[in-house]
Amino acid sequence: MLNTTLTGSATDAPPLLIAHGLFGSARNWNVIAKRLSDRGQVISVDMRNHGESPREPVQDYAGMAEDLAEVIDSHGGKADVLGHSMGGKAAMMLALTRQGLIRKLVVADIAPVAYGHSQSHLIEAMRNVDLDKVETRRDADEAMQGAVPEAGVRAFLLQSLDVKGQAWRLNLDVLEADMDKITGWPEGIAGQFDGPVLMLSGAESDYVLTDHRDRIRAHFPAARFAKIPGAGHWLHADKPREFEAAVRIFLDA
């Protein structure tokens, strides 16, 4: 079972399940989860091979979808689901394979397509930090500056560093081995999810393109599209209030 963080109290309404992206964790979503918990319980998960969740030998979307299904089954059997990036693909896979578990789906800045970029350079940067010499998070930040010049990206990665334990809360070996699965999308996936879907993207991101809409609507015919101005791929961090408002309006409609 995935490690979960519960925010707010359970009600008669379905809970909101949040699935984070690659190198993330439930803690990345604490602020959003707390704000949305006024409408019901929010379940934030650490995806497999991330945070405090089990280390599995494979990082594929079939497995990640089943992980999410297990969490929903253990919390009443029905949920609204919000997934960002890798978590968004896992949520879409869940909707296509176990659609009875989902009431409404929010997919944050990702499409059901294969992408050409790899994040293996970030794994290399994390591996190259000599954790024996790291006494503070700032030490690790300075060690990564050459390989990862973007301060925001370093800060995001360092949320998964256990400084005292001198370890990353990530299964870097499996994430690297299955990077093509993570950036890709399984061939031959069929089926539709006919429920409400919000494809919410950052206006400054190039992850969800107009060219992707036919593919999206083939799987999600009721999909609606929205963009948050001034936000990039990490739209929930770039514009948290606007992101929260868009999700709230969609879920409560």
Protein backbone atom coordinates (compact mmCIF):
# COMPACT_ATOMS: atom_id res chain seq x y z
CA MET A 1 0.00 0.00 0.00
CA LEU A 2 1.23 3.48 -0.83
CA ASN A 3 2.13 5.83 1.99
CA THR A 4 -0.75 8.28 2.40
CA THR A 5 -1.27 11.64 4.09
CA LEU A 6 -4.86 12.38 5.11
CA THR A 7 -6.00 16.00 5.37
CA GLY A 8 -9.45 17.01 6.60
CA SER A 9 -12.30 14.81 7.70
CA ALA A 10 -14.13 12.16 5.71
CA THR A 11 -17.63 13.09 4.57
CA ASP A 12 -20.36 11.48 2.50
CA ALA A 13 -18.71 12.96 -0.59
CA PRO A 14 -15.87 11.10 -2.33
CA PRO A 15 -12.39 12.06 -1.11
CA LEU A 16 -9.88 13.79 -3.34
CA LEU A 17 -6.84 11.66 -4.16
CA ILE A 18 -3.69 13.57 -5.21
CA ALA A 19 -0.91 11.83 -7.18
CA HIS A 20 2.35 13.77 -7.52
CA GLY A 21 4.83 13.82 -10.38
CA LEU A 22 8.32 12.38 -10.87
CA PHE A 23 10.74 13.05 -7.98
CA GLY A 24 7.88 14.48 -5.91
CA SER A 25 6.02 13.35 -2.81
CA ALA A 26 2.80 13.94 -0.93
CA ARG A 27 4.48 16.72 1.05
CA ASN A 28 4.80 18.82 -2.13
CA TRP A 29 0.99 19.09 -2.05
CA ASN A 30 0.49 19.96 1.62
CA VAL A 31 -0.68 23.54 0.98
CA ILE A 32 -3.10 22.60 -1.81
CA ALA A 33 -4.40 19.63 0.21
CA LYS A 34 -5.01 21.78 3.28
CA ARG A 35 -6.90 24.42 1.30
CA LEU A 36 -9.08 21.87 -0.51
CA SER A 37 -9.78 19.89 2.66
CA ASP A 38 -12.54 22.35 3.59
CA ARG A 39 -14.74 20.53 1.07
CA GLY A 40 -13.89 17.00 2.25
CA GLN A 41 -11.02 14.64 2.92
CA VAL A 42 -7.90 14.85 0.78
CA ILE A 43 -5.64 11.81 0.37
CA SER A 44 -2.12 12.68 -0.82
CA VAL A 45 0.07 9.72 -1.71
CA ASP A 46 3.75 9.03 -2.16
CA MET A 47 3.90 7.19 -5.48
CA ARG A 48 5.83 3.91 -5.61
CA ASN A 49 9.62 4.37 -5.35
CA HIS A 50 9.05 7.87 -3.93
CA GLY A 51 8.92 9.18 -0.38
CA GLU A 52 7.90 6.60 2.20
CA SER A 53 6.09 4.29 -0.22
CA PRO A 54 7.29 0.76 -1.06
CA ARG A 55 10.24 0.23 -3.39
CA GLU A 56 9.02 -1.73 -6.39
CA PRO A 57 11.08 -3.28 -9.22
CA VAL A 58 9.12 -1.53 -11.99
CA GLN A 59 7.90 2.03 -12.51
CA ASP A 60 5.19 1.60 -15.14
CA TYR A 61 1.73 3.09 -15.47
CA ALA A 62 -0.13 -0.19 -15.10
CA GLY A 63 1.50 -0.69 -11.71
CA MET A 64 1.05 2.91 -10.62
CA ALA A 65 -2.64 2.82 -11.57
CA GLU A 66 -3.15 -0.33 -9.52
CA ASP A 67 -1.41 1.36 -6.57
CA LEU A 68 -3.93 4.22 -6.77
CA ALA A 69 -6.82 1.77 -7.14
CA GLU A 70 -5.76 0.05 -3.93
CA VAL A 71 -5.80 3.35 -2.05
CA ILE A 72 -9.26 4.25 -3.37
CA ASP A 73 -10.61 0.79 -2.56
CA SER A 74 -9.41 1.23 1.01
CA HIS A 75 -11.18 4.62 1.33
CA GLY A 76 -14.68 3.79 0.19
CA GLY A 77 -14.20 2.72 -3.42
CA LYS A 78 -14.83 6.09 -5.10
CA ALA A 79 -12.76 9.26 -5.33
CA ASP A 80 -12.08 12.40 -7.27
CA VAL A 81 -8.53 12.14 -8.58
CA LEU A 82 -5.97 14.87 -9.27
CA GLY A 83 -2.70 13.85 -10.89
CA HIS A 84 0.24 16.01 -11.93
CA SER A 85 2.74 15.00 -14.63
CA MET A 86 3.70 11.35 -13.95
CA GLY A 87 0.86 11.21 -11.44
CA GLY A 88 -1.47 12.58 -14.12
CA LYS A 89 -0.56 9.76 -16.47
CA ALA A 90 -1.10 7.24 -13.68
CA ALA A 91 -4.49 8.82 -12.99
CA MET A 92 -5.45 8.63 -16.68
CA MET A 93 -4.41 4.98 -16.79
CA LEU A 94 -6.56 4.34 -13.72
CA ALA A 95 -9.51 6.07 -15.36
CA LEU A 96 -9.17 3.93 -18.50
CA THR A 97 -8.76 0.63 -16.67
CA ARG A 98 -10.81 1.07 -13.48
CA GLN A 99 -13.14 3.92 -14.37
CA GLY A 100 -15.73 2.94 -11.77
CA LEU A 101 -13.37 4.18 -9.06
CA ILE A 102 -13.31 7.80 -10.27
CA ARG A 103 -16.04 10.44 -10.08
CA LYS A 104 -14.10 13.38 -11.55
CA LEU A 105 -10.56 13.57 -12.91
CA VAL A 106 -8.14 16.51 -12.95
CA VAL A 107 -5.02 16.03 -15.07
CA ALA A 108 -2.39 18.69 -14.39
CA ASP A 109 -0.05 19.56 -17.27
CA ILE A 110 0.39 16.22 -19.00
CA ALA A 111 -1.18 14.36 -21.94
CA PRO A 112 -1.55 10.64 -22.72
CA VAL A 113 1.37 10.72 -25.14
CA ALA A 114 5.05 9.81 -25.16
CA TYR A 115 7.49 12.67 -24.58
CA GLY A 116 11.00 12.86 -25.96
CA HIS A 117 12.67 14.42 -22.94
CA SER A 118 14.44 12.45 -20.24
CA GLN A 119 15.00 13.42 -16.63
CA SER A 120 17.97 11.09 -16.20
CA HIS A 121 20.34 14.07 -15.93
CA LEU A 122 18.60 15.00 -12.67
CA ILE A 123 19.15 11.48 -11.34
CA GLU A 124 22.82 11.80 -12.22
CA ALA A 125 22.97 15.15 -10.41
CA MET A 126 21.45 13.63 -7.27
CA ARG A 127 23.77 10.64 -7.41
CA ASN A 128 26.80 12.90 -7.72
CA VAL A 129 26.11 14.63 -4.40
CA ASP A 130 28.53 13.21 -1.83
CA LEU A 131 26.04 12.70 0.99
CA ASP A 132 28.83 11.92 3.46
CA LYS A 133 29.86 15.56 3.18
CA VAL A 134 26.34 16.99 3.41
CA GLU A 135 25.45 18.39 6.82
CA THR A 136 22.70 20.76 5.71
CA ARG A 137 20.33 21.06 2.76
CA ARG A 138 22.30 24.11 1.70
CA ASP A 139 25.42 21.94 1.32
CA ALA A 140 23.55 19.69 -1.10
CA ASP A 141 22.14 22.69 -2.95
CA GLU A 142 25.62 24.09 -3.51
CA ALA A 143 26.88 20.68 -4.67
CA MET A 144 24.16 20.50 -7.33
CA GLN A 145 24.48 24.03 -8.73
CA GLY A 146 26.80 23.06 -11.58
CA ALA A 147 24.58 20.25 -12.87
CA VAL A 148 21.23 21.87 -12.05
CA PRO A 149 21.49 25.66 -12.49
CA GLU A 150 17.77 26.31 -11.91
CA ALA A 151 17.30 27.14 -8.22
CA GLY A 152 13.64 26.12 -8.31
CA VAL A 153 14.44 22.68 -9.68
CA ARG A 154 17.14 22.13 -7.05
CA ALA A 155 14.74 23.17 -4.31
CA PHE A 156 12.15 20.71 -5.61
CA LEU A 157 14.62 17.82 -5.75
CA LEU A 158 16.02 18.60 -2.32
CA GLN A 159 12.61 18.08 -0.74
CA SER A 160 13.33 14.37 -1.29
CA LEU A 161 16.67 14.45 0.53
CA ASP A 162 16.88 12.97 4.02
CA VAL A 163 19.84 14.97 5.31
CA LYS A 164 20.13 13.17 8.65
CA GLY A 165 19.74 9.76 7.05
CA GLN A 166 22.16 10.70 4.25
CA ALA A 167 19.84 9.25 1.62
CA TRP A 168 17.42 10.24 -1.11
CA ARG A 169 13.79 9.28 -0.53
CA LEU A 170 13.73 8.03 -4.11
CA ASN A 171 14.56 4.68 -5.71
CA LEU A 172 16.95 6.24 -8.19
CA ASP A 173 17.99 2.91 -9.74
CA VAL A 174 14.47 1.93 -10.80
CA LEU A 175 13.50 5.46 -11.85
CA GLU A 176 16.55 5.61 -14.10
CA ALA A 177 16.01 2.12 -15.53
CA ASP A 178 12.36 2.86 -16.33
CA MET A 179 12.73 6.47 -17.47
CA ASP A 180 11.43 5.56 -20.95
CA LYS A 181 8.30 4.11 -19.35
CA ILE A 182 7.81 7.25 -17.24
CA THR A 183 8.21 9.72 -20.11
CA GLY A 184 6.36 7.42 -22.49
CA TRP A 185 2.79 6.16 -22.72
CA PRO A 186 1.87 2.49 -23.17
CA GLU A 187 1.12 1.47 -26.74
CA GLY A 188 -2.27 0.02 -27.55
CA ILE A 189 -4.15 1.44 -24.57
CA ALA A 190 -7.82 1.49 -25.50
CA GLY A 191 -11.01 2.40 -23.71
CA GLN A 192 -12.69 5.59 -22.63
CA PHE A 193 -13.51 7.37 -19.43
CA ASP A 194 -16.81 9.14 -19.97
CA GLY A 195 -16.84 11.09 -16.70
CA PRO A 196 -15.89 14.75 -16.23
CA VAL A 197 -12.23 15.53 -16.93
CA LEU A 198 -10.34 18.79 -16.54
CA MET A 199 -7.08 19.04 -18.47
CA LEU A 200 -5.45 21.90 -16.57
CA SER A 201 -2.13 23.17 -17.87
CA GLY A 202 0.29 26.03 -17.41
CA ALA A 203 0.10 28.65 -20.14
CA GLU A 204 3.91 28.79 -20.27
CA SER A 205 4.30 24.99 -20.47
CA ASP A 206 4.59 22.97 -23.67
CA TYR A 207 3.47 19.65 -22.21
CA VAL A 208 -0.16 19.82 -23.42
CA LEU A 209 -0.35 20.96 -27.03
CA THR A 210 -3.26 21.60 -29.36
CA ASP A 211 -2.00 18.63 -31.38
CA HIS A 212 -2.68 16.39 -28.37
CA ARG A 213 -6.39 17.19 -28.14
CA ASP A 214 -7.61 14.52 -30.58
CA ARG A 215 -5.70 11.86 -28.62
CA ILE A 216 -7.07 13.18 -25.34
CA ARG A 217 -10.67 13.29 -26.55
CA ALA A 218 -10.37 9.77 -27.97
CA HIS A 219 -9.89 8.54 -24.39
CA PHE A 220 -11.72 11.30 -22.52
CA PRO A 221 -14.62 12.58 -24.66
CA ALA A 222 -15.91 14.90 -21.92
CA ALA A 223 -12.52 16.57 -21.38
CA ARG A 224 -12.44 20.30 -20.82
CA PHE A 225 -9.26 22.33 -21.28
CA ALA A 226 -8.02 25.27 -19.23
CA LYS A 227 -4.72 27.12 -18.83
CA ILE A 228 -3.36 29.10 -15.92
CA PRO A 229 -1.63 32.31 -17.09
CA GLY A 230 1.92 32.79 -15.90
CA ALA A 231 2.34 29.14 -14.87
CA GLY A 232 4.74 26.55 -16.22
CA HIS A 233 4.83 22.78 -15.78
CA TRP A 234 4.78 23.06 -11.96
CA LEU A 235 1.59 25.09 -12.19
CA HIS A 236 0.44 24.24 -8.65
CA ALA A 237 3.67 25.75 -7.27
CA ASP A 238 3.83 28.68 -9.71
CA LYS A 239 0.24 29.82 -9.18
CA PRO A 240 -1.16 27.93 -6.16
CA ARG A 241 -4.21 30.13 -5.56
CA GLU A 242 -5.25 30.07 -9.20
CA PHE A 243 -4.64 26.33 -9.38
CA GLU A 244 -6.70 25.71 -6.25
CA ALA A 245 -9.55 27.89 -7.55
CA ALA A 246 -9.70 26.07 -10.90
CA VAL A 247 -9.72 22.64 -9.24
CA ARG A 248 -12.34 23.70 -6.69
CA ILE A 249 -14.71 25.11 -9.32
CA PHE A 250 -14.44 21.95 -11.42
CA LEU A 251 -14.93 19.52 -8.54
CA ASP A 252 -17.88 21.45 -7.06
CA ALA A 253 -19.69 22.09 -10.35
